């Protein structure tokens, strides 16, 4: 666990040091995958997290519905609730902006997930609370796409048995398919 804590601190510092004039690339492979998707889970970035907005916009332009994570507490599962640009978001735990609790829960076909770190094998390092790993376990058929800055790539992410790998990673400069 100490290795993950130290790695998280190092990667947060690298991410925090980036200029904010970057945008995540939307590759043709992602656009092609949208043709088979109806619902895409995105997220509202916290702090220096990579903003998935270009991917979410591509999903909306392809006719997909968007959902955002909704968290109530550490022991409760994360749900994905329907959201459109016109619906105001509410404050949630950890500084999250999320749809109101009464928004319909939907099952995403694609899940865009924020990362602290990743490797080219598709292993990911998140904040450490396990929300996305538990959600991925409940959504085994969902296509999992990590969203991060290229400086967050490491040679190897430490992986525990419950960690669920990604199908792809989007950065400002690369589209990585393990």
N, C-alpha and C. Protein backbone atom coordinates (compact mmCIF):
# COMPACT_ATOMS: atom_id res chain seq x y z
N UNK A 1 0.83 -1.20 0.00
CA UNK A 1 0.00 0.00 0.00
C UNK A 1 0.87 1.26 0.00
N UNK A 2 1.99 1.21 0.67
CA UNK A 2 2.86 2.37 0.72
C UNK A 2 3.33 2.76 -0.68
N UNK A 3 3.62 1.76 -1.51
CA UNK A 3 4.04 2.05 -2.88
C UNK A 3 2.96 2.84 -3.61
N UNK A 4 1.70 2.45 -3.44
CA UNK A 4 0.61 3.16 -4.10
C UNK A 4 0.48 4.58 -3.55
N UNK A 5 0.64 4.74 -2.23
CA UNK A 5 0.53 6.08 -1.64
C UNK A 5 1.61 7.00 -2.18
N UNK A 6 2.84 6.51 -2.24
CA UNK A 6 3.94 7.33 -2.75
C UNK A 6 3.75 7.64 -4.23
N UNK A 7 3.32 6.64 -4.99
CA UNK A 7 3.08 6.85 -6.42
C UNK A 7 1.95 7.86 -6.64
N UNK A 8 0.88 7.76 -5.85
CA UNK A 8 -0.21 8.73 -5.97
C UNK A 8 0.29 10.15 -5.74
N UNK A 9 1.09 10.33 -4.70
CA UNK A 9 1.61 11.67 -4.38
C UNK A 9 2.48 12.19 -5.53
N UNK A 10 3.34 11.35 -6.08
CA UNK A 10 4.22 11.77 -7.18
C UNK A 10 3.41 12.12 -8.42
N UNK A 11 2.40 11.31 -8.73
CA UNK A 11 1.61 11.56 -9.93
C UNK A 11 0.69 12.77 -9.78
N UNK A 12 0.17 13.00 -8.58
CA UNK A 12 -0.63 14.22 -8.35
C UNK A 12 0.24 15.45 -8.60
N UNK A 13 1.47 15.42 -8.09
CA UNK A 13 2.37 16.57 -8.28
C UNK A 13 2.67 16.79 -9.75
N UNK A 14 2.90 15.71 -10.49
CA UNK A 14 3.17 15.85 -11.93
C UNK A 14 1.96 16.41 -12.65
N UNK A 15 0.79 15.92 -12.31
CA UNK A 15 -0.45 16.38 -12.94
C UNK A 15 -0.72 17.84 -12.58
N UNK A 16 -0.50 18.19 -11.31
CA UNK A 16 -0.75 19.56 -10.87
C UNK A 16 0.18 20.56 -11.54
N UNK A 17 1.36 20.11 -11.97
CA UNK A 17 2.33 21.01 -12.58
C UNK A 17 2.09 21.31 -14.05
N UNK A 18 1.10 20.71 -14.63
CA UNK A 18 0.83 20.91 -16.07
C UNK A 18 0.14 22.25 -16.34
N UNK A 19 0.43 22.80 -17.50
CA UNK A 19 -0.31 23.97 -17.97
C UNK A 19 -1.72 23.51 -18.32
N UNK A 20 -2.68 24.36 -18.19
CA UNK A 20 -4.08 24.00 -18.40
C UNK A 20 -4.55 24.27 -19.83
N UNK A 21 -3.63 24.40 -20.76
CA UNK A 21 -4.02 24.71 -22.14
C UNK A 21 -4.05 23.46 -23.02
N UNK A 22 -4.19 22.31 -22.42
CA UNK A 22 -4.20 21.04 -23.16
C UNK A 22 -5.62 20.52 -23.26
N UNK A 23 -5.83 19.65 -24.23
CA UNK A 23 -7.14 19.00 -24.38
C UNK A 23 -6.91 17.53 -24.72
N UNK A 24 -7.78 16.70 -24.22
CA UNK A 24 -7.73 15.28 -24.52
C UNK A 24 -8.09 15.08 -25.99
N UNK A 25 -7.32 14.25 -26.66
CA UNK A 25 -7.57 13.96 -28.08
C UNK A 25 -8.75 13.00 -28.21
N UNK A 26 -9.50 13.14 -29.30
CA UNK A 26 -10.62 12.23 -29.59
C UNK A 26 -10.23 11.42 -30.83
N UNK A 27 -9.75 10.20 -30.62
CA UNK A 27 -9.28 9.41 -31.76
C UNK A 27 -10.43 8.79 -32.56
N UNK A 28 -10.13 8.44 -33.79
CA UNK A 28 -11.13 7.79 -34.65
C UNK A 28 -11.62 6.49 -34.03
N UNK A 29 -10.76 5.76 -33.33
CA UNK A 29 -11.16 4.49 -32.70
C UNK A 29 -12.26 4.71 -31.66
N UNK A 30 -12.18 5.83 -30.93
CA UNK A 30 -13.23 6.14 -29.96
C UNK A 30 -14.53 6.48 -30.68
N UNK A 31 -14.44 7.31 -31.71
CA UNK A 31 -15.63 7.67 -32.48
C UNK A 31 -16.29 6.41 -33.07
N UNK A 32 -15.49 5.48 -33.56
CA UNK A 32 -16.04 4.25 -34.13
C UNK A 32 -16.76 3.42 -33.05
N UNK A 33 -16.22 3.41 -31.87
CA UNK A 33 -16.84 2.64 -30.77
C UNK A 33 -18.18 3.25 -30.37
N UNK A 34 -18.32 4.55 -30.53
CA UNK A 34 -19.57 5.23 -30.17
C UNK A 34 -20.74 4.73 -31.01
N UNK A 35 -20.47 4.23 -32.21
CA UNK A 35 -21.53 3.72 -33.07
C UNK A 35 -22.24 2.53 -32.43
N UNK A 36 -21.56 1.84 -31.49
CA UNK A 36 -22.16 0.68 -30.82
C UNK A 36 -22.62 1.00 -29.40
N UNK A 37 -22.56 2.26 -29.02
CA UNK A 37 -22.91 2.66 -27.65
C UNK A 37 -24.18 3.49 -27.63
N UNK A 38 -24.93 3.37 -26.55
CA UNK A 38 -26.11 4.22 -26.34
C UNK A 38 -25.88 5.19 -25.19
N UNK A 39 -25.14 4.71 -24.17
CA UNK A 39 -24.95 5.50 -22.95
C UNK A 39 -23.47 5.56 -22.61
N UNK A 40 -22.96 6.77 -22.40
CA UNK A 40 -21.56 6.97 -22.06
C UNK A 40 -21.48 7.67 -20.71
N UNK A 41 -20.71 7.08 -19.80
CA UNK A 41 -20.46 7.69 -18.49
C UNK A 41 -19.24 8.59 -18.60
N UNK A 42 -19.40 9.83 -18.23
CA UNK A 42 -18.30 10.78 -18.19
C UNK A 42 -18.10 11.18 -16.73
N UNK A 43 -17.44 12.30 -16.48
CA UNK A 43 -17.26 12.80 -15.12
C UNK A 43 -16.89 14.28 -15.21
N UNK A 44 -17.08 14.98 -14.11
CA UNK A 44 -16.65 16.37 -14.00
C UNK A 44 -15.29 16.36 -13.31
N UNK A 45 -14.25 16.88 -13.97
CA UNK A 45 -12.91 16.78 -13.40
C UNK A 45 -12.76 17.58 -12.11
N UNK A 46 -11.96 17.03 -11.21
CA UNK A 46 -11.61 17.70 -9.96
C UNK A 46 -10.18 18.20 -10.07
N UNK A 47 -9.95 19.43 -9.69
CA UNK A 47 -8.59 19.96 -9.68
C UNK A 47 -7.92 19.84 -11.04
N UNK A 48 -6.78 19.15 -11.06
CA UNK A 48 -5.99 19.04 -12.28
C UNK A 48 -6.28 17.76 -13.07
N UNK A 49 -7.37 17.07 -12.76
CA UNK A 49 -7.72 15.88 -13.55
C UNK A 49 -7.93 16.26 -15.01
N UNK A 50 -7.60 15.33 -15.89
CA UNK A 50 -7.84 15.55 -17.31
C UNK A 50 -9.34 15.66 -17.56
N UNK A 51 -9.72 16.64 -18.34
CA UNK A 51 -11.12 16.91 -18.62
C UNK A 51 -11.59 16.02 -19.78
N UNK A 52 -12.60 15.16 -19.55
CA UNK A 52 -13.10 14.29 -20.61
C UNK A 52 -14.07 14.98 -21.56
N UNK A 53 -14.25 16.29 -21.44
CA UNK A 53 -15.26 17.00 -22.24
C UNK A 53 -15.17 16.72 -23.74
N UNK A 54 -13.98 16.69 -24.36
CA UNK A 54 -13.95 16.39 -25.80
C UNK A 54 -14.54 15.02 -26.13
N UNK A 55 -14.28 14.03 -25.27
CA UNK A 55 -14.83 12.69 -25.49
C UNK A 55 -16.34 12.68 -25.25
N UNK A 56 -16.79 13.39 -24.21
CA UNK A 56 -18.22 13.46 -23.92
C UNK A 56 -18.97 14.18 -25.04
N UNK A 57 -18.37 15.24 -25.57
CA UNK A 57 -18.99 15.96 -26.69
C UNK A 57 -19.10 15.06 -27.91
N UNK A 58 -18.05 14.29 -28.19
CA UNK A 58 -18.10 13.35 -29.31
C UNK A 58 -19.21 12.32 -29.10
N UNK A 59 -19.38 11.87 -27.87
CA UNK A 59 -20.44 10.91 -27.56
C UNK A 59 -21.82 11.53 -27.78
N UNK A 60 -21.99 12.73 -27.29
CA UNK A 60 -23.28 13.41 -27.47
C UNK A 60 -23.54 13.65 -28.96
N UNK A 61 -22.53 14.07 -29.70
CA UNK A 61 -22.67 14.31 -31.14
C UNK A 61 -23.02 13.02 -31.89
N UNK A 62 -22.61 11.88 -31.34
CA UNK A 62 -22.91 10.58 -31.96
C UNK A 62 -24.29 10.06 -31.55
N UNK A 63 -25.01 10.84 -30.74
CA UNK A 63 -26.35 10.44 -30.34
C UNK A 63 -26.42 9.66 -29.04
N UNK A 64 -25.33 9.60 -28.30
CA UNK A 64 -25.32 8.88 -27.02
C UNK A 64 -25.87 9.76 -25.90
N UNK A 65 -26.47 9.11 -24.92
CA UNK A 65 -26.86 9.80 -23.69
C UNK A 65 -25.67 9.81 -22.76
N UNK A 66 -25.57 10.85 -21.96
CA UNK A 66 -24.49 10.95 -20.98
C UNK A 66 -25.02 10.70 -19.58
N UNK A 67 -24.20 10.01 -18.81
CA UNK A 67 -24.45 9.83 -17.39
C UNK A 67 -23.19 10.27 -16.65
N UNK A 68 -23.38 10.67 -15.40
CA UNK A 68 -22.26 11.05 -14.55
C UNK A 68 -22.32 10.22 -13.28
N UNK A 69 -21.15 10.02 -12.65
CA UNK A 69 -21.16 9.28 -11.39
C UNK A 69 -21.88 10.06 -10.30
N UNK A 70 -22.53 9.30 -9.43
CA UNK A 70 -23.19 9.87 -8.26
C UNK A 70 -22.74 9.06 -7.06
N UNK A 71 -22.14 9.75 -6.09
CA UNK A 71 -21.59 9.12 -4.90
C UNK A 71 -22.30 9.67 -3.69
N UNK A 72 -22.65 8.78 -2.75
CA UNK A 72 -23.27 9.24 -1.51
C UNK A 72 -22.38 9.03 -0.31
N UNK A 73 -21.58 7.99 -0.32
CA UNK A 73 -20.68 7.71 0.80
C UNK A 73 -19.75 6.57 0.46
N UNK A 74 -18.76 6.38 1.30
CA UNK A 74 -17.70 5.40 1.03
C UNK A 74 -18.22 3.97 0.90
N UNK A 75 -19.26 3.63 1.64
CA UNK A 75 -19.76 2.25 1.62
C UNK A 75 -20.85 2.01 0.58
N UNK A 76 -21.36 3.07 0.00
CA UNK A 76 -22.44 2.93 -0.99
C UNK A 76 -21.83 2.84 -2.39
N UNK A 77 -22.41 2.02 -3.26
CA UNK A 77 -21.87 1.94 -4.62
C UNK A 77 -22.09 3.24 -5.39
N UNK A 78 -21.18 3.51 -6.30
CA UNK A 78 -21.33 4.64 -7.19
C UNK A 78 -22.39 4.27 -8.23
N UNK A 79 -23.31 5.20 -8.48
CA UNK A 79 -24.32 4.99 -9.52
C UNK A 79 -24.02 5.95 -10.66
N UNK A 80 -24.53 5.62 -11.85
CA UNK A 80 -24.38 6.51 -12.99
C UNK A 80 -25.77 7.06 -13.31
N UNK A 81 -25.91 8.39 -13.16
CA UNK A 81 -27.20 9.05 -13.31
C UNK A 81 -27.23 9.90 -14.57
N UNK A 82 -28.40 9.89 -15.20
CA UNK A 82 -28.64 10.62 -16.45
C UNK A 82 -28.31 12.10 -16.25
N UNK A 83 -27.69 12.69 -17.29
CA UNK A 83 -27.34 14.10 -17.22
C UNK A 83 -27.29 14.71 -18.61
N UNK A 84 -27.80 15.93 -18.70
CA UNK A 84 -27.61 16.71 -19.92
C UNK A 84 -27.12 18.09 -19.51
N UNK A 85 -26.60 18.81 -20.48
CA UNK A 85 -25.99 20.11 -20.17
C UNK A 85 -26.93 21.08 -19.48
N UNK A 86 -28.23 20.91 -19.64
CA UNK A 86 -29.18 21.84 -19.05
C UNK A 86 -29.53 21.54 -17.60
N UNK A 87 -29.13 20.38 -17.10
CA UNK A 87 -29.46 19.99 -15.72
C UNK A 87 -28.36 20.47 -14.78
N UNK A 88 -28.72 21.30 -13.81
CA UNK A 88 -27.70 21.76 -12.85
C UNK A 88 -27.15 20.58 -12.05
N UNK A 89 -25.87 20.65 -11.76
CA UNK A 89 -25.24 19.63 -10.93
C UNK A 89 -25.26 20.07 -9.48
N UNK A 90 -25.18 19.08 -8.58
CA UNK A 90 -25.18 19.37 -7.15
C UNK A 90 -23.85 18.93 -6.55
N UNK A 91 -23.52 19.52 -5.41
CA UNK A 91 -22.28 19.17 -4.72
C UNK A 91 -22.44 17.81 -4.06
N UNK A 92 -21.42 16.98 -4.22
CA UNK A 92 -21.40 15.67 -3.60
C UNK A 92 -20.17 15.53 -2.72
N UNK A 93 -19.96 14.35 -2.16
CA UNK A 93 -18.78 14.12 -1.34
C UNK A 93 -17.49 14.34 -2.14
N UNK A 94 -16.42 14.66 -1.44
CA UNK A 94 -15.08 14.82 -2.02
C UNK A 94 -14.99 15.98 -3.01
N UNK A 95 -15.97 16.89 -3.02
CA UNK A 95 -15.96 18.00 -3.96
C UNK A 95 -16.51 17.65 -5.33
N UNK A 96 -17.12 16.48 -5.46
CA UNK A 96 -17.69 16.07 -6.76
C UNK A 96 -18.87 16.94 -7.14
N UNK A 97 -19.01 17.18 -8.43
CA UNK A 97 -20.22 17.76 -8.99
C UNK A 97 -20.94 16.61 -9.67
N UNK A 98 -22.21 16.41 -9.30
CA UNK A 98 -22.93 15.24 -9.77
C UNK A 98 -24.40 15.57 -9.99
N UNK A 99 -25.09 14.71 -10.77
CA UNK A 99 -26.52 14.93 -10.98
C UNK A 99 -27.27 14.78 -9.65
N UNK A 100 -28.45 15.38 -9.56
CA UNK A 100 -29.26 15.20 -8.35
C UNK A 100 -29.63 13.73 -8.16
N UNK A 101 -29.80 13.32 -6.92
CA UNK A 101 -30.05 11.92 -6.57
C UNK A 101 -31.29 11.34 -7.23
N UNK A 102 -32.24 12.19 -7.63
CA UNK A 102 -33.48 11.67 -8.23
C UNK A 102 -33.39 11.51 -9.75
N UNK A 103 -32.22 11.79 -10.33
CA UNK A 103 -32.05 11.57 -11.78
C UNK A 103 -32.06 10.06 -12.05
N UNK A 104 -32.56 9.64 -13.21
CA UNK A 104 -32.61 8.21 -13.51
C UNK A 104 -31.22 7.57 -13.57
N UNK A 105 -31.11 6.39 -12.97
CA UNK A 105 -29.88 5.61 -13.06
C UNK A 105 -29.90 4.83 -14.37
N UNK A 106 -28.79 4.86 -15.10
CA UNK A 106 -28.68 4.16 -16.37
C UNK A 106 -27.39 3.35 -16.38
N UNK A 107 -27.39 2.30 -17.18
CA UNK A 107 -26.23 1.40 -17.29
C UNK A 107 -25.39 1.82 -18.50
N UNK A 108 -24.16 2.34 -18.27
CA UNK A 108 -23.36 2.81 -19.40
C UNK A 108 -22.75 1.67 -20.21
N UNK A 109 -22.59 1.94 -21.50
CA UNK A 109 -21.89 1.04 -22.41
C UNK A 109 -20.40 1.36 -22.43
N UNK A 110 -20.07 2.62 -22.21
CA UNK A 110 -18.69 3.09 -22.15
C UNK A 110 -18.55 3.90 -20.87
N UNK A 111 -17.45 3.67 -20.15
CA UNK A 111 -17.18 4.43 -18.92
C UNK A 111 -15.85 5.16 -19.08
N UNK A 112 -15.91 6.48 -19.06
CA UNK A 112 -14.72 7.32 -19.03
C UNK A 112 -14.34 7.50 -17.57
N UNK A 113 -13.13 7.17 -17.22
CA UNK A 113 -12.73 7.22 -15.82
C UNK A 113 -11.48 8.08 -15.62
N UNK A 114 -11.50 8.93 -14.59
CA UNK A 114 -10.31 9.74 -14.31
C UNK A 114 -9.21 8.84 -13.73
N UNK A 115 -7.98 9.21 -14.00
CA UNK A 115 -6.84 8.43 -13.53
C UNK A 115 -5.85 9.30 -12.78
N UNK A 116 -5.17 8.69 -11.83
CA UNK A 116 -3.97 9.31 -11.27
C UNK A 116 -2.75 8.79 -12.01
N UNK A 117 -2.80 7.53 -12.40
CA UNK A 117 -1.71 6.93 -13.13
C UNK A 117 -2.19 5.77 -13.98
N UNK A 118 -1.36 5.39 -14.94
CA UNK A 118 -1.70 4.27 -15.81
C UNK A 118 -0.42 3.72 -16.43
N UNK A 119 -0.51 2.49 -16.91
CA UNK A 119 0.59 1.93 -17.69
C UNK A 119 0.04 1.44 -19.03
N UNK A 120 0.92 1.06 -19.92
CA UNK A 120 0.51 0.66 -21.27
C UNK A 120 -0.18 -0.70 -21.29
N UNK A 121 -0.17 -1.41 -20.16
CA UNK A 121 -0.86 -2.69 -20.08
C UNK A 121 -2.33 -2.50 -19.68
N UNK A 122 -2.74 -1.25 -19.43
CA UNK A 122 -4.13 -0.98 -19.08
C UNK A 122 -4.41 -0.97 -17.59
N UNK A 123 -3.37 -1.09 -16.77
CA UNK A 123 -3.57 -0.98 -15.33
C UNK A 123 -3.71 0.49 -14.97
N UNK A 124 -4.52 0.76 -13.97
CA UNK A 124 -4.80 2.13 -13.60
C UNK A 124 -4.59 2.34 -12.11
N UNK A 125 -4.32 3.56 -11.77
CA UNK A 125 -4.23 3.96 -10.38
C UNK A 125 -5.21 5.11 -10.19
N UNK A 126 -6.19 4.90 -9.32
CA UNK A 126 -7.17 5.94 -9.02
C UNK A 126 -6.87 6.58 -7.68
N UNK A 127 -7.88 7.21 -7.13
CA UNK A 127 -7.72 7.91 -5.86
C UNK A 127 -7.56 6.96 -4.67
N UNK A 128 -8.02 5.73 -4.83
CA UNK A 128 -7.81 4.75 -3.76
C UNK A 128 -9.06 4.33 -3.01
N UNK A 129 -10.21 4.91 -3.34
CA UNK A 129 -11.44 4.55 -2.63
C UNK A 129 -12.13 3.34 -3.25
N UNK A 130 -11.75 2.97 -4.47
CA UNK A 130 -12.30 1.76 -5.10
C UNK A 130 -13.65 1.92 -5.78
N UNK A 131 -14.15 3.13 -5.91
CA UNK A 131 -15.47 3.33 -6.52
C UNK A 131 -15.53 2.78 -7.94
N UNK A 132 -14.54 3.13 -8.75
CA UNK A 132 -14.58 2.68 -10.14
C UNK A 132 -14.35 1.17 -10.25
N UNK A 133 -13.47 0.61 -9.45
CA UNK A 133 -13.27 -0.85 -9.51
C UNK A 133 -14.56 -1.58 -9.15
N UNK A 134 -15.27 -1.11 -8.14
CA UNK A 134 -16.55 -1.75 -7.77
C UNK A 134 -17.58 -1.55 -8.88
N UNK A 135 -17.60 -0.37 -9.49
CA UNK A 135 -18.54 -0.14 -10.60
C UNK A 135 -18.19 -1.02 -11.79
N UNK A 136 -16.91 -1.13 -12.11
CA UNK A 136 -16.49 -1.98 -13.23
C UNK A 136 -16.89 -3.44 -13.00
N UNK A 137 -16.80 -3.89 -11.78
CA UNK A 137 -17.18 -5.28 -11.48
C UNK A 137 -18.66 -5.51 -11.74
N UNK A 138 -19.47 -4.47 -11.56
CA UNK A 138 -20.91 -4.57 -11.82
C UNK A 138 -21.26 -4.33 -13.29
N UNK A 139 -20.29 -3.84 -14.05
CA UNK A 139 -20.49 -3.52 -15.47
C UNK A 139 -19.46 -4.26 -16.32
N UNK A 140 -19.44 -5.59 -16.29
CA UNK A 140 -18.37 -6.32 -16.97
C UNK A 140 -18.33 -6.12 -18.48
N UNK A 141 -19.45 -5.75 -19.09
CA UNK A 141 -19.49 -5.56 -20.54
C UNK A 141 -19.20 -4.13 -20.98
N UNK A 142 -19.09 -3.21 -20.03
CA UNK A 142 -18.81 -1.82 -20.38
C UNK A 142 -17.37 -1.68 -20.85
N UNK A 143 -17.17 -0.82 -21.84
CA UNK A 143 -15.84 -0.53 -22.37
C UNK A 143 -15.24 0.55 -21.48
N UNK A 144 -14.10 0.26 -20.85
CA UNK A 144 -13.49 1.12 -19.84
C UNK A 144 -12.36 1.94 -20.47
N UNK A 145 -12.52 3.27 -20.43
CA UNK A 145 -11.54 4.17 -21.04
C UNK A 145 -11.00 5.11 -19.96
N UNK A 146 -9.72 5.00 -19.68
CA UNK A 146 -9.08 5.93 -18.75
C UNK A 146 -8.78 7.24 -19.45
N UNK A 147 -8.86 8.33 -18.70
CA UNK A 147 -8.60 9.66 -19.24
C UNK A 147 -7.55 10.31 -18.34
N UNK A 148 -6.42 10.68 -18.94
CA UNK A 148 -5.31 11.22 -18.15
C UNK A 148 -4.40 12.05 -19.04
N UNK A 149 -3.48 12.74 -18.39
CA UNK A 149 -2.42 13.45 -19.11
C UNK A 149 -1.26 12.49 -19.32
N UNK A 150 -0.50 12.67 -20.37
CA UNK A 150 0.60 11.76 -20.69
C UNK A 150 1.65 11.68 -19.57
N UNK A 151 1.81 12.75 -18.78
CA UNK A 151 2.79 12.73 -17.67
C UNK A 151 2.37 11.76 -16.56
N UNK A 152 1.17 11.24 -16.63
CA UNK A 152 0.68 10.31 -15.61
C UNK A 152 1.00 8.85 -15.96
N UNK A 153 1.63 8.63 -17.10
CA UNK A 153 1.99 7.27 -17.48
C UNK A 153 3.22 6.82 -16.70
N UNK A 154 3.18 5.59 -16.20
CA UNK A 154 4.31 4.98 -15.50
C UNK A 154 4.65 3.66 -16.18
N UNK A 155 5.82 3.16 -15.89
CA UNK A 155 6.23 1.89 -16.50
C UNK A 155 5.31 0.74 -16.09
N UNK A 156 4.96 0.71 -14.81
CA UNK A 156 4.06 -0.35 -14.31
C UNK A 156 3.28 0.18 -13.11
N UNK A 157 1.96 0.06 -13.17
CA UNK A 157 1.12 0.42 -12.03
C UNK A 157 1.00 -0.80 -11.12
N UNK A 158 1.12 -0.60 -9.83
CA UNK A 158 0.88 -1.72 -8.94
C UNK A 158 -0.59 -2.14 -9.03
N UNK A 159 -0.83 -3.42 -9.16
CA UNK A 159 -2.21 -3.91 -9.33
C UNK A 159 -2.54 -4.92 -8.24
N UNK A 160 -3.72 -4.75 -7.66
CA UNK A 160 -4.25 -5.70 -6.69
C UNK A 160 -5.24 -6.61 -7.39
N UNK A 161 -5.61 -7.73 -6.77
CA UNK A 161 -6.53 -8.67 -7.43
C UNK A 161 -7.87 -8.05 -7.82
N UNK A 162 -8.33 -7.05 -7.10
CA UNK A 162 -9.63 -6.44 -7.38
C UNK A 162 -9.55 -5.32 -8.42
N UNK A 163 -8.35 -4.92 -8.81
CA UNK A 163 -8.20 -3.87 -9.81
C UNK A 163 -8.62 -4.37 -11.18
N UNK A 164 -9.47 -3.61 -11.84
CA UNK A 164 -10.01 -3.97 -13.15
C UNK A 164 -9.27 -3.17 -14.21
N UNK A 165 -8.64 -3.83 -15.19
CA UNK A 165 -7.87 -3.10 -16.20
C UNK A 165 -8.77 -2.34 -17.19
N UNK A 166 -8.15 -1.41 -17.87
CA UNK A 166 -8.83 -0.58 -18.86
C UNK A 166 -8.74 -1.22 -20.24
N UNK A 167 -9.70 -0.86 -21.09
CA UNK A 167 -9.65 -1.27 -22.50
C UNK A 167 -8.85 -0.29 -23.34
N UNK A 168 -8.79 0.98 -22.88
CA UNK A 168 -8.07 2.01 -23.62
C UNK A 168 -7.78 3.18 -22.69
N UNK A 169 -6.80 3.99 -23.07
CA UNK A 169 -6.46 5.20 -22.33
C UNK A 169 -6.35 6.34 -23.34
N UNK A 170 -7.01 7.46 -23.01
CA UNK A 170 -6.94 8.66 -23.85
C UNK A 170 -6.11 9.71 -23.11
N UNK A 171 -5.15 10.29 -23.84
CA UNK A 171 -4.39 11.42 -23.31
C UNK A 171 -4.45 12.55 -24.32
N UNK A 172 -3.75 13.63 -24.04
CA UNK A 172 -3.71 14.75 -24.98
C UNK A 172 -2.91 14.41 -26.23
N UNK A 173 -2.10 13.35 -26.16
CA UNK A 173 -1.22 13.06 -27.28
C UNK A 173 -1.30 11.61 -27.78
N UNK A 174 -2.07 10.77 -27.13
CA UNK A 174 -2.01 9.36 -27.46
C UNK A 174 -3.34 8.66 -27.18
N UNK A 175 -3.55 7.58 -27.90
CA UNK A 175 -4.65 6.66 -27.68
C UNK A 175 -4.01 5.29 -27.49
N UNK A 176 -4.07 4.78 -26.29
CA UNK A 176 -3.36 3.55 -25.94
C UNK A 176 -4.37 2.42 -25.80
N UNK A 177 -4.15 1.35 -26.52
CA UNK A 177 -4.98 0.15 -26.42
C UNK A 177 -4.07 -0.98 -25.94
N UNK A 178 -4.25 -1.42 -24.71
CA UNK A 178 -3.38 -2.49 -24.17
C UNK A 178 -3.49 -3.77 -24.99
